[in-house]
N, C-alpha and C. Protein backbone atom coordinates (compact mmCIF):
# COMPACT_ATOMS: atom_id res chain seq x y z
N UNK A 1 -71.93 10.55 -117.57
CA UNK A 1 -72.91 10.74 -117.05
C UNK A 1 -73.18 11.97 -116.16
N UNK A 2 -73.76 12.89 -115.54
CA UNK A 2 -74.01 13.74 -114.99
C UNK A 2 -74.40 13.13 -113.44
N UNK A 3 -73.93 13.51 -112.33
CA UNK A 3 -74.26 13.68 -111.29
C UNK A 3 -75.09 14.58 -110.78
N UNK A 4 -75.38 15.60 -110.85
CA UNK A 4 -76.81 16.34 -111.20
C UNK A 4 -77.26 17.38 -112.18
N UNK A 5 -78.39 17.90 -112.19
CA UNK A 5 -78.70 18.33 -113.20
C UNK A 5 -77.91 19.59 -114.04
N UNK A 6 -77.58 19.35 -115.22
CA UNK A 6 -77.05 20.12 -115.74
C UNK A 6 -77.04 21.82 -115.62
N UNK A 7 -78.60 22.37 -115.57
CA UNK A 7 -78.94 23.27 -115.38
C UNK A 7 -78.36 23.93 -114.02
N UNK A 8 -78.12 23.15 -112.68
CA UNK A 8 -77.23 23.62 -111.70
C UNK A 8 -76.08 23.64 -111.43
N UNK A 9 -75.28 22.63 -112.34
CA UNK A 9 -74.47 22.82 -111.91
C UNK A 9 -73.44 24.04 -113.08
N UNK A 10 -74.45 24.26 -114.09
CA UNK A 10 -74.36 25.58 -114.89
C UNK A 10 -74.50 26.87 -114.09
N UNK A 11 -74.95 26.82 -113.61
CA UNK A 11 -75.31 28.04 -112.73
C UNK A 11 -74.20 28.09 -111.23
N UNK A 12 -74.01 26.82 -111.04
CA UNK A 12 -73.06 27.06 -109.50
C UNK A 12 -71.65 27.38 -110.22
N UNK A 13 -71.21 27.33 -111.61
CA UNK A 13 -70.07 27.19 -112.20
C UNK A 13 -70.01 28.39 -112.54
N UNK A 14 -71.18 29.43 -113.18
CA UNK A 14 -71.17 30.82 -113.11
C UNK A 14 -71.06 31.24 -112.03
N UNK A 15 -71.63 31.59 -111.03
CA UNK A 15 -71.30 32.20 -109.22
C UNK A 15 -70.25 32.13 -109.22
N UNK A 16 -69.47 30.73 -109.12
CA UNK A 16 -68.02 30.46 -108.81
C UNK A 16 -67.06 30.84 -109.81
N UNK A 17 -67.49 31.64 -111.28
CA UNK A 17 -66.30 32.44 -112.12
C UNK A 17 -66.57 33.55 -111.55
N UNK A 18 -68.07 34.34 -110.98
CA UNK A 18 -68.23 35.75 -110.69
C UNK A 18 -67.42 35.84 -109.04
N UNK A 19 -67.22 34.91 -108.56
CA UNK A 19 -66.79 34.56 -107.21
C UNK A 19 -65.23 35.24 -107.65
N UNK A 20 -64.57 34.44 -108.61
CA UNK A 20 -63.08 34.54 -108.96
C UNK A 20 -62.68 36.03 -109.18
N UNK A 21 -63.70 36.59 -109.85
CA UNK A 21 -63.49 38.00 -110.07
C UNK A 21 -63.50 39.13 -109.13
N UNK A 22 -63.97 38.60 -108.23
CA UNK A 22 -64.37 39.67 -107.02
C UNK A 22 -63.35 39.56 -105.91
N UNK A 23 -62.93 38.64 -105.86
CA UNK A 23 -62.32 37.78 -104.34
C UNK A 23 -61.37 36.71 -104.23
N UNK A 24 -60.04 36.79 -103.35
CA UNK A 24 -59.16 35.64 -103.43
C UNK A 24 -59.54 34.97 -102.57
N UNK A 25 -59.75 33.60 -103.50
CA UNK A 25 -59.80 32.30 -102.32
C UNK A 25 -59.12 31.01 -103.20
N UNK A 26 -59.06 30.02 -102.36
CA UNK A 26 -58.56 28.80 -102.64
C UNK A 26 -59.85 27.84 -102.72
N UNK A 27 -59.86 27.29 -104.07
CA UNK A 27 -60.88 26.28 -104.61
C UNK A 27 -60.72 24.90 -103.92
N UNK A 28 -62.04 24.41 -103.13
CA UNK A 28 -61.79 22.82 -102.78
C UNK A 28 -63.29 22.35 -102.86
N UNK A 29 -63.21 21.06 -102.45
CA UNK A 29 -64.01 20.29 -102.91
C UNK A 29 -64.43 19.67 -104.53
N UNK A 30 -65.69 19.37 -104.27
CA UNK A 30 -65.84 18.66 -106.09
C UNK A 30 -65.78 19.61 -107.29
N UNK A 31 -65.68 20.92 -107.56
CA UNK A 31 -65.30 22.14 -108.54
C UNK A 31 -63.58 21.93 -108.52
N UNK A 32 -62.97 21.74 -107.24
CA UNK A 32 -61.60 21.49 -107.16
C UNK A 32 -61.14 20.69 -107.95
N UNK A 33 -61.99 18.99 -107.64
CA UNK A 33 -61.95 17.87 -108.48
C UNK A 33 -61.98 17.88 -109.87
N UNK A 34 -63.31 18.69 -110.23
CA UNK A 34 -63.55 18.34 -111.72
C UNK A 34 -62.32 19.36 -112.41
N UNK A 35 -61.93 19.93 -111.81
CA UNK A 35 -60.69 21.10 -112.51
C UNK A 35 -59.44 20.09 -112.39
N UNK A 36 -59.07 19.14 -111.86
CA UNK A 36 -58.32 18.47 -112.39
C UNK A 36 -58.71 17.14 -113.50
N UNK A 37 -59.81 16.56 -113.14
CA UNK A 37 -60.21 15.30 -114.02
C UNK A 37 -61.03 15.88 -115.39
N UNK A 38 -61.75 16.90 -115.04
CA UNK A 38 -63.15 17.28 -115.87
C UNK A 38 -64.24 16.22 -116.00
N UNK A 39 -64.17 15.44 -114.72
CA UNK A 39 -65.35 14.46 -114.88
C UNK A 39 -66.71 14.91 -114.44
N UNK A 40 -66.69 14.53 -113.38
CA UNK A 40 -68.39 15.22 -112.39
C UNK A 40 -68.26 16.78 -112.09
N UNK A 41 -69.30 17.76 -112.68
CA UNK A 41 -69.12 18.38 -112.12
C UNK A 41 -69.65 18.93 -110.93
N UNK A 42 -70.25 19.85 -110.18
CA UNK A 42 -70.68 20.15 -108.46
C UNK A 42 -71.41 21.11 -108.47
N UNK A 43 -72.13 20.78 -107.53
CA UNK A 43 -73.51 21.95 -107.01
C UNK A 43 -72.80 22.55 -106.13
N UNK A 44 -72.45 22.02 -105.01
CA UNK A 44 -71.85 23.18 -104.37
C UNK A 44 -70.78 23.55 -104.33
N UNK A 45 -70.58 25.21 -103.50
CA UNK A 45 -68.96 25.48 -103.82
C UNK A 45 -68.74 25.74 -102.58
N UNK A 46 -67.31 25.45 -102.51
CA UNK A 46 -66.48 25.05 -101.51
C UNK A 46 -65.12 25.87 -101.24
N UNK A 47 -64.80 27.17 -100.47
CA UNK A 47 -63.65 28.14 -100.74
C UNK A 47 -63.11 28.00 -99.39
N UNK A 48 -61.89 28.33 -99.35
CA UNK A 48 -60.75 28.56 -98.28
C UNK A 48 -60.62 30.40 -98.30
N UNK A 49 -61.47 31.11 -97.22
CA UNK A 49 -60.89 32.61 -97.81
C UNK A 49 -60.00 32.99 -96.40
N UNK A 50 -59.23 34.18 -96.79
CA UNK A 50 -58.56 34.56 -95.50
C UNK A 50 -59.75 36.02 -94.85
N UNK A 51 -59.74 36.30 -93.41
CA UNK A 51 -60.79 37.14 -92.96
C UNK A 51 -60.42 38.49 -93.34
N UNK A 52 -59.79 39.17 -94.32
CA UNK A 52 -59.95 40.05 -95.27
C UNK A 52 -60.70 40.33 -96.36
N UNK A 53 -61.06 39.04 -97.07
CA UNK A 53 -61.86 38.72 -98.01
C UNK A 53 -63.16 38.24 -97.33
N UNK A 54 -63.44 37.81 -96.30
CA UNK A 54 -64.39 37.46 -95.37
C UNK A 54 -65.63 38.70 -95.64
N UNK A 55 -64.43 39.72 -95.01
CA UNK A 55 -65.42 41.07 -95.06
C UNK A 55 -65.67 41.66 -96.18
N UNK A 56 -65.14 41.61 -97.32
CA UNK A 56 -65.43 42.00 -98.35
C UNK A 56 -66.75 41.46 -98.76
N UNK A 57 -66.71 39.51 -98.71
CA UNK A 57 -67.99 39.12 -98.90
C UNK A 57 -69.18 39.40 -98.00
N UNK A 58 -69.33 39.76 -96.86
CA UNK A 58 -70.05 40.00 -95.95
C UNK A 58 -70.70 41.12 -96.64
N UNK A 59 -70.49 42.29 -97.52
CA UNK A 59 -70.93 43.39 -97.86
C UNK A 59 -71.73 42.88 -99.03
N UNK A 60 -71.73 41.62 -99.52
CA UNK A 60 -72.15 41.46 -101.22
C UNK A 60 -73.33 40.39 -100.78
N UNK A 61 -73.36 39.38 -99.77
CA UNK A 61 -74.11 38.10 -99.43
C UNK A 61 -74.60 38.27 -97.81
N UNK A 62 -75.70 37.57 -97.87
CA UNK A 62 -75.84 37.38 -96.22
C UNK A 62 -75.06 36.02 -96.01
N UNK A 63 -74.23 36.37 -94.91
CA UNK A 63 -73.39 35.00 -94.58
C UNK A 63 -74.05 34.19 -93.16
N UNK A 64 -74.28 33.25 -92.90
CA UNK A 64 -74.57 32.78 -91.50
C UNK A 64 -73.53 31.63 -91.21
N UNK A 65 -73.38 32.10 -90.15
CA UNK A 65 -72.16 31.06 -89.18
C UNK A 65 -72.19 30.05 -88.91
N UNK A 66 -71.61 28.79 -89.20
CA UNK A 66 -72.74 27.25 -88.95
C UNK A 66 -71.09 27.33 -87.88
N UNK A 67 -71.51 27.45 -86.55
CA UNK A 67 -70.40 26.96 -85.61
C UNK A 67 -70.51 25.11 -84.91
N UNK A 68 -71.17 24.55 -85.47
CA UNK A 68 -70.69 23.25 -85.08
C UNK A 68 -70.14 23.10 -86.75
N UNK A 69 -70.35 23.47 -87.30
CA UNK A 69 -69.39 22.80 -88.68
C UNK A 69 -68.06 24.07 -89.12
N UNK A 70 -68.02 24.69 -87.76
CA UNK A 70 -66.53 25.87 -88.26
C UNK A 70 -66.11 26.11 -89.81
N UNK A 71 -67.58 27.26 -90.01
CA UNK A 71 -67.61 27.46 -91.14
C UNK A 71 -68.25 28.93 -91.55
N UNK A 72 -68.85 29.54 -92.25
CA UNK A 72 -69.62 30.74 -92.53
C UNK A 72 -70.14 29.50 -93.84
N UNK A 73 -71.67 30.36 -94.24
CA UNK A 73 -72.33 29.54 -95.13
C UNK A 73 -72.98 30.69 -96.22
N UNK A 74 -73.39 30.51 -97.20
CA UNK A 74 -73.82 31.66 -98.21
C UNK A 74 -75.52 30.19 -98.76
N UNK A 75 -76.65 30.58 -98.58
CA UNK A 75 -77.91 29.63 -98.89
C UNK A 75 -78.28 30.59 -100.06
N UNK A 76 -78.55 29.61 -101.23
CA UNK A 76 -79.25 30.56 -102.35
C UNK A 76 -80.46 28.95 -102.68
N UNK A 77 -81.28 29.77 -103.41
CA UNK A 77 -82.09 28.39 -103.47
C UNK A 77 -81.54 26.86 -104.24
N UNK A 78 -81.07 27.04 -105.06
CA UNK A 78 -80.47 25.44 -105.61
C UNK A 78 -79.19 24.87 -104.73
N UNK A 79 -78.52 25.67 -104.60
CA UNK A 79 -77.01 25.54 -103.94
C UNK A 79 -76.45 26.45 -102.84
N UNK A 80 -75.29 25.29 -102.45
CA UNK A 80 -74.57 26.71 -101.06
C UNK A 80 -73.52 26.91 -101.49
N UNK A 81 -72.70 27.76 -100.49
CA UNK A 81 -71.33 28.34 -100.73
C UNK A 81 -70.78 28.06 -99.12
N UNK A 82 -69.85 27.48 -99.09
CA UNK A 82 -69.38 27.37 -98.04
C UNK A 82 -68.00 27.82 -97.70
N UNK A 83 -67.85 28.62 -96.60
CA UNK A 83 -66.15 29.29 -96.82
C UNK A 83 -65.63 28.89 -95.59
N UNK A 84 -64.86 28.59 -95.54
CA UNK A 84 -63.51 28.02 -94.65
C UNK A 84 -62.63 28.99 -94.32
N UNK A 85 -62.35 28.91 -92.96
CA UNK A 85 -61.19 30.34 -92.30
C UNK A 85 -60.33 29.55 -91.81
N UNK A 86 -58.89 30.02 -92.08
CA UNK A 86 -57.79 29.88 -91.83
C UNK A 86 -57.88 30.27 -89.80
N UNK A 87 -57.33 29.12 -88.99
CA UNK A 87 -57.56 28.93 -87.14
C UNK A 87 -58.80 28.75 -87.08
N UNK A 88 -59.74 28.00 -87.95
CA UNK A 88 -61.28 28.53 -87.12
C UNK A 88 -62.08 27.09 -87.91
N UNK A 89 -61.41 26.38 -89.19
CA UNK A 89 -61.95 25.74 -89.52
C UNK A 89 -61.40 24.58 -90.22
N UNK A 90 -61.75 23.07 -89.57
CA UNK A 90 -61.37 22.33 -89.43
C UNK A 90 -61.70 21.26 -90.57
N UNK A 91 -60.84 21.02 -91.64
CA UNK A 91 -60.68 20.35 -93.18
C UNK A 91 -60.04 19.09 -93.15
N UNK A 92 -59.42 18.34 -91.47
CA UNK A 92 -58.84 17.41 -91.64
C UNK A 92 -57.24 17.88 -91.83
N UNK A 93 -57.40 18.50 -92.62
CA UNK A 93 -55.64 19.59 -92.41
C UNK A 93 -56.37 20.95 -92.19
N UNK A 94 -55.28 21.21 -91.57
CA UNK A 94 -55.55 23.10 -91.15
C UNK A 94 -55.36 23.54 -92.16
N UNK A 95 -56.94 24.38 -91.85
CA UNK A 95 -57.20 25.28 -93.69
C UNK A 95 -56.03 26.18 -93.74
N UNK A 96 -55.13 26.39 -92.68
CA UNK A 96 -54.26 27.83 -92.84
C UNK A 96 -52.88 27.52 -93.31
N UNK A 97 -53.02 26.04 -93.47
CA UNK A 97 -51.93 25.21 -94.29
C UNK A 97 -51.78 24.84 -95.38
N UNK A 98 -52.94 25.07 -96.11
CA UNK A 98 -53.21 24.36 -97.33
C UNK A 98 -52.53 25.33 -98.45
N UNK A 99 -52.49 26.69 -97.86
CA UNK A 99 -51.67 27.49 -99.30
C UNK A 99 -50.77 27.69 -99.53
N UNK A 100 -49.92 26.54 -98.47
CA UNK A 100 -48.38 26.22 -99.22
C UNK A 100 -48.67 24.91 -99.97
N UNK A 101 -49.49 24.47 -100.32
CA UNK A 101 -49.62 23.10 -101.45
C UNK A 101 -50.45 23.45 -102.16
N UNK A 102 -50.43 24.52 -103.35
CA UNK A 102 -51.03 24.66 -104.35
C UNK A 102 -50.83 24.76 -105.95
N UNK A 103 -51.91 24.64 -106.56
CA UNK A 103 -51.63 24.29 -107.99
C UNK A 103 -52.49 25.50 -108.71
N UNK A 104 -52.26 25.88 -109.42
CA UNK A 104 -52.90 27.03 -110.66
C UNK A 104 -54.02 26.44 -111.70
N UNK A 105 -55.34 26.06 -111.80
CA UNK A 105 -55.82 25.33 -113.07
C UNK A 105 -56.53 26.53 -113.69
N UNK A 106 -56.85 26.68 -114.65
CA UNK A 106 -57.42 27.66 -115.20
C UNK A 106 -57.83 28.42 -114.17
N UNK A 107 -57.05 29.68 -113.45
CA UNK A 107 -57.05 30.64 -112.88
C UNK A 107 -57.25 30.59 -111.75
N UNK A 108 -57.66 29.19 -111.21
CA UNK A 108 -58.14 29.04 -109.69
C UNK A 108 -56.84 28.41 -109.06
N UNK A 109 -56.82 28.67 -107.48
CA UNK A 109 -55.68 28.78 -106.93
C UNK A 109 -56.62 26.99 -106.29
N UNK A 110 -55.62 26.07 -106.56
CA UNK A 110 -56.48 24.38 -105.89
C UNK A 110 -55.34 23.69 -104.88
N UNK A 111 -55.35 22.76 -104.45
CA UNK A 111 -54.60 21.90 -103.39
C UNK A 111 -54.23 21.08 -104.08
N UNK A 112 -52.68 21.30 -104.35
CA UNK A 112 -52.32 19.72 -104.93
C UNK A 112 -53.73 18.96 -104.86
N UNK A 113 -53.17 17.47 -106.06
CA UNK A 113 -54.38 16.55 -105.89
C UNK A 113 -54.20 15.89 -104.80
N UNK A 114 -53.02 15.40 -104.33
CA UNK A 114 -52.97 14.63 -102.74
C UNK A 114 -53.53 15.20 -101.51
N UNK A 115 -53.05 16.42 -101.70
CA UNK A 115 -53.96 17.16 -100.37
C UNK A 115 -55.44 17.58 -100.53
N UNK A 116 -55.84 17.62 -101.75
CA UNK A 116 -57.39 17.27 -102.35
C UNK A 116 -58.14 15.78 -101.97
N UNK A 117 -57.54 14.99 -102.00
CA UNK A 117 -57.51 13.49 -101.72
C UNK A 117 -57.61 13.70 -100.21
N UNK A 118 -57.42 14.05 -99.58
CA UNK A 118 -56.94 14.36 -97.82
C UNK A 118 -58.29 14.99 -97.53
N UNK A 119 -58.57 16.17 -98.34
CA UNK A 119 -59.90 16.92 -97.77
C UNK A 119 -60.87 15.80 -98.07
N UNK A 120 -60.97 15.91 -99.53
CA UNK A 120 -62.13 14.63 -99.72
C UNK A 120 -62.24 13.55 -98.55
N UNK A 121 -61.54 12.86 -98.58
CA UNK A 121 -61.61 11.86 -97.56
C UNK A 121 -62.05 12.20 -95.79
N UNK A 122 -61.52 13.34 -95.25
CA UNK A 122 -62.19 14.01 -94.40
C UNK A 122 -63.99 13.92 -94.52
N UNK A 123 -64.40 14.71 -95.64
CA UNK A 123 -65.54 15.04 -96.27
C UNK A 123 -66.37 13.82 -96.26
N UNK A 124 -66.13 12.71 -96.81
CA UNK A 124 -66.32 11.35 -97.51
C UNK A 124 -66.60 10.66 -96.18
N UNK A 125 -65.44 10.61 -94.73
CA UNK A 125 -66.02 10.08 -93.55
C UNK A 125 -66.68 10.92 -92.28
N UNK A 126 -67.29 11.95 -92.74
CA UNK A 126 -68.02 12.68 -92.11
C UNK A 126 -69.49 12.27 -92.66
N UNK A 127 -70.04 11.85 -93.71
CA UNK A 127 -71.25 11.53 -93.94
C UNK A 127 -71.34 10.41 -94.69
N UNK A 128 -71.06 9.29 -94.32
CA UNK A 128 -70.60 8.32 -95.37
C UNK A 128 -72.47 7.89 -95.43
N UNK A 129 -72.81 7.00 -96.29
CA UNK A 129 -73.98 6.71 -96.11
C UNK A 129 -75.73 7.94 -96.99
N UNK A 130 -74.67 9.04 -97.35
CA UNK A 130 -75.28 10.25 -97.59
C UNK A 130 -75.26 10.29 -99.23
N UNK A 131 -76.44 11.09 -99.82
CA UNK A 131 -75.82 11.38 -101.42
C UNK A 131 -74.85 11.99 -101.56
N UNK A 132 -74.28 13.13 -100.35
CA UNK A 132 -73.10 13.90 -100.75
C UNK A 132 -71.89 13.09 -100.41
N UNK A 133 -71.79 12.15 -99.21
CA UNK A 133 -70.85 11.22 -99.16
C UNK A 133 -70.78 10.39 -100.21
N UNK A 134 -71.59 9.72 -100.75
CA UNK A 134 -71.47 8.85 -102.30
C UNK A 134 -70.98 9.76 -103.45
N UNK A 135 -71.10 11.63 -103.49
CA UNK A 135 -70.61 12.37 -104.49
C UNK A 135 -69.16 12.38 -104.35
N UNK A 136 -69.00 12.49 -102.54
CA UNK A 136 -67.32 12.47 -101.86
C UNK A 136 -66.50 10.96 -102.96
N UNK A 137 -67.00 9.40 -102.55
CA UNK A 137 -66.71 8.72 -103.06
C UNK A 137 -66.27 9.01 -104.49
N UNK A 138 -66.93 9.32 -104.90
CA UNK A 138 -66.67 9.51 -106.85
C UNK A 138 -65.93 10.48 -106.74
N UNK A 139 -65.77 11.64 -106.08
CA UNK A 139 -64.44 12.39 -106.42
C UNK A 139 -63.08 11.77 -105.53
N UNK A 140 -62.92 11.17 -105.35
CA UNK A 140 -62.29 10.05 -104.39
C UNK A 140 -61.65 9.43 -105.38
N UNK A 141 -62.32 8.64 -105.78
CA UNK A 141 -61.87 7.49 -107.14
C UNK A 141 -61.77 8.59 -108.33
N UNK A 142 -62.26 9.31 -108.44
CA UNK A 142 -61.58 10.29 -109.74
C UNK A 142 -60.61 10.91 -109.52
N UNK A 143 -59.98 11.20 -107.96
CA UNK A 143 -58.51 11.87 -107.76
C UNK A 143 -57.64 10.30 -108.33
N UNK A 144 -58.30 9.53 -107.41
CA UNK A 144 -57.40 8.32 -107.50
C UNK A 144 -56.90 7.53 -109.48
N UNK A 145 -57.87 8.24 -110.28
CA UNK A 145 -57.33 8.34 -111.91
C UNK A 145 -56.51 8.91 -112.16
N UNK A 146 -55.92 9.69 -111.38
CA UNK A 146 -54.80 10.70 -111.35
C UNK A 146 -53.40 10.24 -111.52
N UNK A 147 -52.55 10.80 -111.57
CA UNK A 147 -51.29 10.11 -111.49
C UNK A 147 -50.56 10.72 -110.15
N UNK A 148 -51.36 10.32 -109.10
CA UNK A 148 -50.26 10.82 -107.88
C UNK A 148 -49.41 10.55 -107.41
N UNK A 149 -48.87 11.47 -106.63
CA UNK A 149 -47.60 10.70 -105.51
C UNK A 149 -47.65 10.87 -104.50
N UNK A 150 -47.78 9.09 -104.52
CA UNK A 150 -48.27 8.68 -103.32
C UNK A 150 -47.30 8.49 -102.16
N UNK A 151 -46.05 8.79 -102.26
CA UNK A 151 -45.30 8.68 -101.15
C UNK A 151 -45.75 10.42 -100.35
N UNK A 152 -45.74 11.43 -101.44
CA UNK A 152 -46.34 12.82 -100.70
C UNK A 152 -47.72 12.40 -99.97
N UNK A 153 -48.28 11.97 -100.15
CA UNK A 153 -49.41 11.35 -99.85
C UNK A 153 -49.02 11.03 -98.47
N UNK A 154 -48.36 9.87 -98.38
CA UNK A 154 -48.60 9.56 -97.48
C UNK A 154 -47.30 10.41 -96.10
N UNK A 155 -46.98 10.85 -96.70
CA UNK A 155 -45.57 11.65 -95.71
C UNK A 155 -46.87 13.32 -95.36
N UNK A 156 -47.86 13.37 -96.10
CA UNK A 156 -48.70 14.40 -95.25
C UNK A 156 -49.57 13.85 -94.36
N UNK A 157 -50.03 12.39 -94.56
CA UNK A 157 -50.91 11.77 -93.70
C UNK A 157 -50.04 11.71 -92.54
N UNK A 158 -48.41 11.03 -92.48
CA UNK A 158 -47.64 11.24 -91.02
C UNK A 158 -47.62 12.42 -90.38
N UNK A 159 -47.61 13.78 -91.12
CA UNK A 159 -46.99 14.98 -90.63
C UNK A 159 -48.42 15.05 -89.95
N UNK A 160 -49.53 14.84 -90.41
CA UNK A 160 -50.79 15.39 -89.32
C UNK A 160 -51.79 14.13 -88.74
N UNK A 161 -50.96 13.19 -88.49
CA UNK A 161 -51.34 12.18 -87.81
C UNK A 161 -52.75 11.78 -88.14
N UNK A 162 -52.55 11.57 -89.22
CA UNK A 162 -53.95 10.52 -90.28
C UNK A 162 -53.16 9.62 -91.17
N UNK A 163 -52.42 8.85 -90.28
CA UNK A 163 -52.35 7.48 -90.53
C UNK A 163 -53.47 6.67 -90.98
N UNK A 164 -54.20 6.82 -90.10
CA UNK A 164 -55.65 5.60 -90.30
C UNK A 164 -56.34 6.26 -91.87
N UNK A 165 -56.10 7.29 -92.77
CA UNK A 165 -56.48 7.44 -93.81
C UNK A 165 -56.42 6.29 -94.66
N UNK A 166 -54.77 5.52 -94.45
CA UNK A 166 -54.57 4.67 -95.72
C UNK A 166 -55.19 3.33 -95.33
N UNK A 167 -55.67 3.21 -94.12
CA UNK A 167 -56.38 2.02 -94.25
C UNK A 167 -57.71 2.45 -94.61
N UNK A 168 -58.67 3.61 -94.52
CA UNK A 168 -59.80 3.92 -94.27
C UNK A 168 -59.83 3.94 -96.20
N UNK A 169 -58.83 4.37 -96.73
CA UNK A 169 -58.83 4.48 -98.49
C UNK A 169 -58.75 3.17 -99.45
N UNK A 170 -58.17 2.38 -98.34
CA UNK A 170 -58.07 0.60 -99.03
C UNK A 170 -59.50 0.27 -98.71
N UNK A 171 -60.19 0.58 -97.43
CA UNK A 171 -61.36 -0.05 -97.27
C UNK A 171 -62.50 0.30 -98.41
N UNK A 172 -62.43 1.87 -98.62
CA UNK A 172 -63.08 2.80 -99.81
C UNK A 172 -63.12 1.51 -101.36
N UNK A 173 -61.90 1.68 -101.33
CA UNK A 173 -61.47 0.62 -102.71
C UNK A 173 -62.12 -0.42 -102.93
N UNK A 174 -61.72 -1.57 -101.77
CA UNK A 174 -62.30 -2.68 -101.59
C UNK A 174 -64.03 -2.63 -101.52
N UNK A 175 -64.62 -2.11 -101.28
CA UNK A 175 -65.68 -1.70 -101.00
C UNK A 175 -66.65 -1.62 -102.56
N UNK A 176 -65.89 -0.79 -103.30
CA UNK A 176 -66.66 -0.47 -104.44
C UNK A 176 -66.24 -1.31 -105.71
N UNK A 177 -67.07 -1.47 -106.47
CA UNK A 177 -66.88 -2.85 -107.92
C UNK A 177 -66.90 -1.87 -109.23
N UNK A 178 -67.66 -0.74 -109.29
CA UNK A 178 -67.65 -0.16 -110.32
C UNK A 178 -67.84 1.47 -110.21
N UNK A 179 -67.66 2.07 -110.93
CA UNK A 179 -68.20 3.56 -111.01
C UNK A 179 -68.77 4.34 -111.97
N UNK A 180 -69.46 3.83 -112.23
CA UNK A 180 -70.05 4.11 -113.91
C UNK A 180 -70.46 5.90 -114.42
N UNK A 181 -70.12 6.19 -112.81
CA UNK A 181 -70.29 7.57 -113.41
C UNK A 181 -68.84 8.52 -113.86
N UNK A 182 -67.94 7.43 -113.73
CA UNK A 182 -66.74 7.93 -114.04
C UNK A 182 -66.70 6.82 -115.45
N UNK A 183 -67.34 6.33 -115.95
CA UNK A 183 -67.19 5.30 -117.13
C UNK A 183 -65.87 4.49 -116.19
N UNK A 184 -66.37 3.79 -115.14
CA UNK A 184 -65.51 2.81 -114.48
C UNK A 184 -66.01 1.69 -114.68
N UNK A 185 -66.05 0.62 -115.84
CA UNK A 185 -66.78 -0.56 -115.39
C UNK A 185 -66.33 -1.12 -114.56
N UNK A 186 -66.95 -2.81 -114.21
CA UNK A 186 -65.83 -3.73 -113.39
C UNK A 186 -64.74 -3.71 -113.44
N UNK A 187 -64.47 -4.35 -115.23
CA UNK A 187 -63.16 -4.35 -115.33
C UNK A 187 -61.72 -3.29 -115.42
N UNK A 188 -62.88 -2.07 -115.55
CA UNK A 188 -61.82 -0.77 -115.52
C UNK A 188 -61.38 -0.55 -113.97
N UNK A 189 -62.46 -0.64 -113.31
CA UNK A 189 -62.30 -0.13 -112.12
C UNK A 189 -61.12 -1.39 -111.40
N UNK A 190 -61.80 -2.77 -111.74
CA UNK A 190 -60.93 -3.53 -110.98
C UNK A 190 -59.15 -3.40 -111.03
N UNK A 191 -58.81 -2.70 -112.45
CA UNK A 191 -57.66 -2.39 -112.71
C UNK A 191 -56.66 -1.61 -111.98
N UNK A 192 -57.85 -0.64 -111.94
CA UNK A 192 -57.45 0.50 -111.14
C UNK A 192 -57.39 0.84 -109.87
N UNK A 193 -58.52 -0.48 -109.03
CA UNK A 193 -57.80 -0.65 -108.09
C UNK A 193 -56.64 -1.48 -107.39
N UNK A 194 -56.62 -2.12 -108.33
CA UNK A 194 -55.11 -3.03 -107.73
C UNK A 194 -54.17 -1.94 -108.09
N UNK A 195 -54.08 -1.46 -108.87
CA UNK A 195 -52.55 -0.48 -109.34
C UNK A 195 -52.62 0.50 -107.85
N UNK A 196 -53.81 0.72 -107.69
CA UNK A 196 -53.89 1.73 -106.29
C UNK A 196 -53.39 1.13 -105.29
N UNK A 197 -53.97 0.27 -104.69
CA UNK A 197 -53.62 -0.63 -103.61
C UNK A 197 -52.00 -1.46 -103.60
N UNK A 198 -51.62 -1.23 -104.83
CA UNK A 198 -50.20 -1.87 -104.85
C UNK A 198 -48.74 -0.67 -104.63
N UNK A 199 -49.65 0.58 -104.76
CA UNK A 199 -48.96 1.75 -103.98
C UNK A 199 -49.05 1.99 -103.14
N UNK A 200 -50.17 1.95 -102.55
CA UNK A 200 -50.44 2.24 -101.22
C UNK A 200 -49.91 1.43 -100.35
N UNK A 201 -49.63 -0.39 -100.56
CA UNK A 201 -48.89 -1.07 -99.91
C UNK A 201 -47.77 -0.88 -100.03
N UNK A 202 -46.72 -0.39 -100.97
CA UNK A 202 -45.64 -0.22 -101.19
C UNK A 202 -44.47 0.90 -100.46
């Protein structure tokens, strides 16, 4: 099941591939989740870049600075590219420290899944009850379907004073009864929920 139209996600991925050829960045957001679970494709593109790469991008694109959300933005007809900067952007975790927790997937640098989960939780909590918030929730559950290191996850939460994310994750799990976009019917989702809650509580 697709969340966005194939045409838009295909165009988005082509833009992402072109960005990868020209610039260095860390991929976050829905496309990073997709590289891990190959489940739901994304529409918008979210990346962390250094300031020298920002200068290169400024030569090729019209950039808007969004002071409220502490990021730079490239707007196109169907999709947005959001750029996050070290010592400027707030992603729940400091943008400049995410480079310490990376994996390389299909040639993209992406945060470890436990780090990505925290970033996704931050996004989700900032836009509850919106279409993007719902996509965040699906992405969170998609990450929980991986084999996560919950000890590492809890240690990171503690390090950055985000322990309340544990309870928020429990609430999200309990308030959901199925996720058909991920082929998780009530039975499959119930099994996953029990497994994750047990790990969170241990």
